[in-house]
């Protein structure tokens, strides 16, 4: 009887959960963005001076705008990027973070994003590109970042996509990015339904 009651209770209290991938080259600010999301939406999160480079992955579970998110921050070192594909089929959205100050690798960044959105397993899911480190004087303008993004627009077909400026270290633009993301996850629910947890 206990197992039946437990099963009924678990079924009635299951929640919809969306998986979000945070991708980008190493040192783009992926983990800092995740920690800022944790700080804004749960009151927890590491301060920027305590964040170390990600080797492997970090996972955060957050409730943002009445929506439960499982957020995967996956390391961006070149040897780890081949592992990203393993996450694509489970992802409901991708947040791609660009270091706006890393002019030397901006073409590599563009090629990496093109490979992600060209993969059949990411077809139809929202892609949010964040131009990070906009608080720095040496950062590229958001319009320049958008130009890079526009060059791969033909691979995005009809899916939702956007470029937004942020400073993950200061938290500027983080709430706006979360708002865009949750609205697009809700809109895309029919195409890629949430998991039940």
Protein backbone atom coordinates (compact mmCIF):
# COMPACT_ATOMS: atom_id res chain seq x y z
CA UNK A 1 0.00 0.00 0.00
CA UNK A 2 2.86 2.35 0.84
CA UNK A 3 4.41 1.98 -2.62
CA UNK A 4 1.07 2.68 -4.32
CA UNK A 5 0.49 5.82 -2.22
CA UNK A 6 4.08 6.95 -2.82
CA UNK A 7 3.70 6.41 -6.58
CA UNK A 8 0.44 8.38 -6.70
CA UNK A 9 1.96 11.22 -4.65
CA UNK A 10 5.05 11.39 -6.87
CA UNK A 11 2.90 11.41 -9.99
CA UNK A 12 0.72 14.24 -8.67
CA UNK A 13 3.66 16.38 -7.55
CA UNK A 14 5.87 16.01 -10.63
CA UNK A 15 7.18 19.22 -12.08
CA UNK A 16 8.13 20.18 -15.60
CA UNK A 17 11.86 20.76 -15.98
CA UNK A 18 13.78 22.20 -18.92
CA UNK A 19 17.45 21.48 -19.63
CA UNK A 20 19.56 24.43 -20.73
CA UNK A 21 23.11 24.14 -22.04
CA UNK A 22 25.58 26.94 -21.42
CA UNK A 23 28.29 26.65 -24.07
CA UNK A 24 31.15 28.78 -25.35
CA UNK A 25 34.92 28.85 -25.58
CA UNK A 26 36.98 28.55 -22.43
CA UNK A 27 37.21 31.76 -20.37
CA UNK A 28 34.03 33.21 -21.93
CA UNK A 29 32.28 33.54 -18.55
CA UNK A 30 29.95 30.52 -18.63
CA UNK A 31 30.39 29.55 -14.99
CA UNK A 32 30.21 33.18 -13.86
CA UNK A 33 26.90 33.51 -15.72
CA UNK A 34 25.55 30.36 -14.02
CA UNK A 35 26.67 31.59 -10.60
CA UNK A 36 24.99 34.96 -11.24
CA UNK A 37 21.77 33.16 -12.17
CA UNK A 38 22.00 31.24 -8.89
CA UNK A 39 22.59 34.47 -6.99
CA UNK A 40 19.70 36.34 -8.62
CA UNK A 41 17.12 33.54 -8.46
CA UNK A 42 18.05 31.59 -5.33
CA UNK A 43 20.20 33.89 -3.23
CA UNK A 44 23.12 31.45 -3.56
CA UNK A 45 26.03 31.43 -5.93
CA UNK A 46 29.76 31.81 -5.71
CA UNK A 47 31.30 35.27 -5.73
CA UNK A 48 33.27 35.92 -8.93
CA UNK A 49 36.67 35.74 -7.20
CA UNK A 50 35.92 32.15 -6.05
CA UNK A 51 35.05 30.77 -9.52
CA UNK A 52 37.60 28.43 -11.07
CA UNK A 53 37.73 27.30 -14.72
CA UNK A 54 35.34 24.44 -15.41
CA UNK A 55 36.91 21.11 -16.19
CA UNK A 56 33.99 18.90 -17.13
CA UNK A 57 30.65 20.36 -16.09
CA UNK A 58 28.69 22.23 -13.45
CA UNK A 59 24.98 21.70 -12.97
CA UNK A 60 22.53 24.10 -11.39
CA UNK A 61 18.84 23.55 -10.59
CA UNK A 62 16.90 26.81 -10.48
CA UNK A 63 13.35 28.05 -10.50
CA UNK A 64 13.21 31.06 -12.79
CA UNK A 65 9.92 32.81 -13.61
CA UNK A 66 7.90 29.86 -12.27
CA UNK A 67 9.86 27.47 -14.49
CA UNK A 68 12.22 24.75 -13.28
CA UNK A 69 15.54 24.68 -15.11
CA UNK A 70 18.40 22.21 -15.05
CA UNK A 71 21.33 24.26 -16.30
CA UNK A 72 24.43 22.52 -17.63
CA UNK A 73 27.61 24.61 -17.72
CA UNK A 74 29.98 22.52 -19.84
CA UNK A 75 33.70 23.23 -20.11
CA UNK A 76 34.79 25.06 -23.25
CA UNK A 77 38.36 23.87 -23.66
CA UNK A 78 38.99 22.56 -27.17
CA UNK A 79 39.38 18.94 -25.99
CA UNK A 80 36.03 19.11 -24.13
CA UNK A 81 33.97 20.54 -27.00
CA UNK A 82 33.60 17.12 -28.62
CA UNK A 83 31.58 16.10 -25.54
CA UNK A 84 28.97 18.81 -26.07
CA UNK A 85 27.13 16.74 -28.67
CA UNK A 86 26.17 14.22 -25.99
CA UNK A 87 23.97 16.90 -24.37
CA UNK A 88 22.14 18.13 -27.47
CA UNK A 89 19.26 15.64 -27.56
CA UNK A 90 18.26 16.46 -23.98
CA UNK A 91 18.62 20.24 -24.30
CA UNK A 92 15.61 22.53 -24.54
CA UNK A 93 17.73 25.64 -25.20
CA UNK A 94 21.33 26.70 -25.69
CA UNK A 95 22.99 29.76 -24.21
CA UNK A 96 26.18 30.50 -26.12
CA UNK A 97 28.51 32.91 -24.35
CA UNK A 98 31.06 34.99 -26.22
CA UNK A 99 34.00 36.75 -24.59
CA UNK A 100 33.59 40.18 -26.19
CA UNK A 101 37.20 41.06 -25.35
CA UNK A 102 38.78 38.01 -27.03
CA UNK A 103 39.21 39.43 -30.53
CA UNK A 104 41.86 36.85 -31.41
CA UNK A 105 39.37 33.98 -31.10
CA UNK A 106 36.21 35.60 -32.42
CA UNK A 107 36.36 33.59 -35.66
CA UNK A 108 36.86 30.38 -33.69
CA UNK A 109 33.86 31.38 -31.63
CA UNK A 110 31.78 31.90 -34.79
CA UNK A 111 32.85 28.52 -36.21
CA UNK A 112 32.04 26.80 -32.93
CA UNK A 113 28.55 28.31 -32.84
CA UNK A 114 28.00 27.37 -36.48
CA UNK A 115 28.88 23.73 -35.67
CA UNK A 116 26.41 23.73 -32.77
CA UNK A 117 23.45 25.15 -34.70
CA UNK A 118 24.21 22.97 -37.75
CA UNK A 119 23.86 19.79 -35.73
CA UNK A 120 20.55 18.01 -36.35
CA UNK A 121 20.10 17.38 -32.61
CA UNK A 122 19.86 21.13 -31.92
CA UNK A 123 17.31 21.72 -34.68
CA UNK A 124 14.43 23.89 -33.55
CA UNK A 125 15.63 24.78 -30.05
CA UNK A 126 16.11 28.41 -28.97
CA UNK A 127 19.65 29.82 -29.06
CA UNK A 128 20.60 32.80 -26.92
CA UNK A 129 23.96 34.34 -27.68
CA UNK A 130 25.35 36.49 -24.88
CA UNK A 131 28.02 39.08 -25.62
CA UNK A 132 29.79 38.92 -22.26
CA UNK A 133 32.25 41.32 -20.61
CA UNK A 134 30.45 44.39 -21.92
CA UNK A 135 31.64 46.23 -18.79
CA UNK A 136 35.19 46.33 -20.16
CA UNK A 137 36.55 49.14 -22.33
CA UNK A 138 38.26 46.70 -24.71
CA UNK A 139 35.09 44.74 -25.53
CA UNK A 140 33.62 44.52 -29.01
CA UNK A 141 30.38 46.42 -29.46
CA UNK A 142 27.18 44.35 -29.38
CA UNK A 143 26.54 45.34 -33.01
CA UNK A 144 29.87 43.74 -33.98
CA UNK A 145 28.91 40.56 -32.14
CA UNK A 146 25.54 40.59 -33.92
CA UNK A 147 27.35 40.74 -37.26
CA UNK A 148 29.14 37.52 -36.38
CA UNK A 149 25.84 35.97 -35.33
CA UNK A 150 24.10 37.12 -38.52
CA UNK A 151 26.65 35.27 -40.67
CA UNK A 152 25.31 31.96 -39.38
CA UNK A 153 21.64 32.94 -39.39
CA UNK A 154 20.87 30.65 -42.34
CA UNK A 155 21.57 27.68 -40.06
CA UNK A 156 19.00 28.86 -37.53
CA UNK A 157 15.97 28.40 -39.82
CA UNK A 158 12.80 29.38 -37.95
CA UNK A 159 14.04 28.87 -34.39
CA UNK A 160 14.12 31.62 -31.81
CA UNK A 161 17.49 33.32 -31.47
CA UNK A 162 18.78 36.51 -29.95
CA UNK A 163 21.98 38.36 -29.08
CA UNK A 164 22.04 40.21 -25.76
CA UNK A 165 24.79 42.17 -23.99
CA UNK A 166 25.78 41.12 -20.48
CA UNK A 167 28.45 41.49 -17.87
CA UNK A 168 28.33 38.20 -16.00
CA UNK A 169 30.83 39.38 -13.42
CA UNK A 170 28.69 42.42 -12.51
CA UNK A 171 25.32 40.73 -13.14
CA UNK A 172 24.25 43.27 -15.76
CA UNK A 173 21.83 41.76 -18.27
CA UNK A 174 21.55 38.41 -16.47
CA UNK A 175 17.86 38.84 -15.53
CA UNK A 176 17.01 39.99 -19.07
CA UNK A 177 18.74 36.90 -20.49
CA UNK A 178 16.78 34.67 -18.11
CA UNK A 179 13.50 36.36 -19.08
CA UNK A 180 14.14 35.81 -22.80
CA UNK A 181 15.16 32.22 -22.17
CA UNK A 182 12.12 31.24 -20.10
CA UNK A 183 9.69 32.88 -22.51
CA UNK A 184 11.21 30.95 -25.43
CA UNK A 185 11.23 27.66 -23.53
CA UNK A 186 7.51 28.08 -22.87
CA UNK A 187 6.88 28.99 -26.51
CA UNK A 188 8.84 25.95 -27.74
CA UNK A 189 7.14 23.51 -25.34
CA UNK A 190 5.18 21.77 -28.10
CA UNK A 191 8.29 21.13 -30.18
CA UNK A 192 10.48 19.87 -27.33
CA UNK A 193 8.36 19.07 -24.25
CA UNK A 194 9.90 19.43 -20.78
CA UNK A 195 11.02 16.48 -18.71
CA UNK A 196 8.95 15.54 -15.69
CA UNK A 197 10.77 15.30 -12.39
